[in-house]
Amino acid sequence: MTKNRCDWAEANEQMRQYHDQIWGRPEFDDQKLFAKLVLDMNQAGLSWNTILQKWAHFEVAYENFAIDKVAAFSSEKVEELMQDAGIIRNRRKIEAAIHNAQQVQALQEEFGSFSQHLWHFVNGQPVINHWQYAAEVPASSELSDEICKDLKRRGFKFVGTTIIYSFLQAVGIVNDHLVTCFCYEELTN
């Protein structure tokens, strides 16, 4: 029996697995949240499929997205990453990932965790939308605007409202699975 999924997930097997196992599932682990933020920052201007194809390379290049390690990357490491064809070789995005790791450390110091800070915007409960069609799903929201402004005020880079909305969807702070998708029922019951 075939499962009903969100339309975008049917592009290929890797997209199906990402959709079924990761996208929209509430995430509370700081390292996984940071990894997803870095990946969503890198998606800007590209397709998510491109990022999925490079995910394993990103994990190696960014030392499994260990926040403290990335925060300490040197200018030599930036140059090394600029030569790594397995990732997105955009200096501004690489430098933003390092800078944002440092900002995540500051949030951890202030709030105890990156997760606590992010989830406080929704009182620890996912926003559950009830979209019938993919065309209804927005590219941003008042919530992504609010978090975007907060993160920018704290010095984060590459965190526009569209990137943040995509991030919120991915980490399950916003559940944008279509109501016809098997994940919607799984995540709302």
Foldseek 3Di string as FASTA:
>chain_A
DDFDFAPVQPPDDLSVCLRVPFFQAADQDQQVLLLLLLLLLQCVVHDNVLSSQLSVVCCVLCVNSPLVSLLPDDPVSLVVLCPDPSGPNDSVSSVLSNVVSVLQVVCCVVPVGSRRVLCVLVPNDAAEDAAQHPVVDDLFDPSLVVVLVVVVVSPHPSRDRSSSVSSCRRNNSYPPIHPRGPVSVVRPD
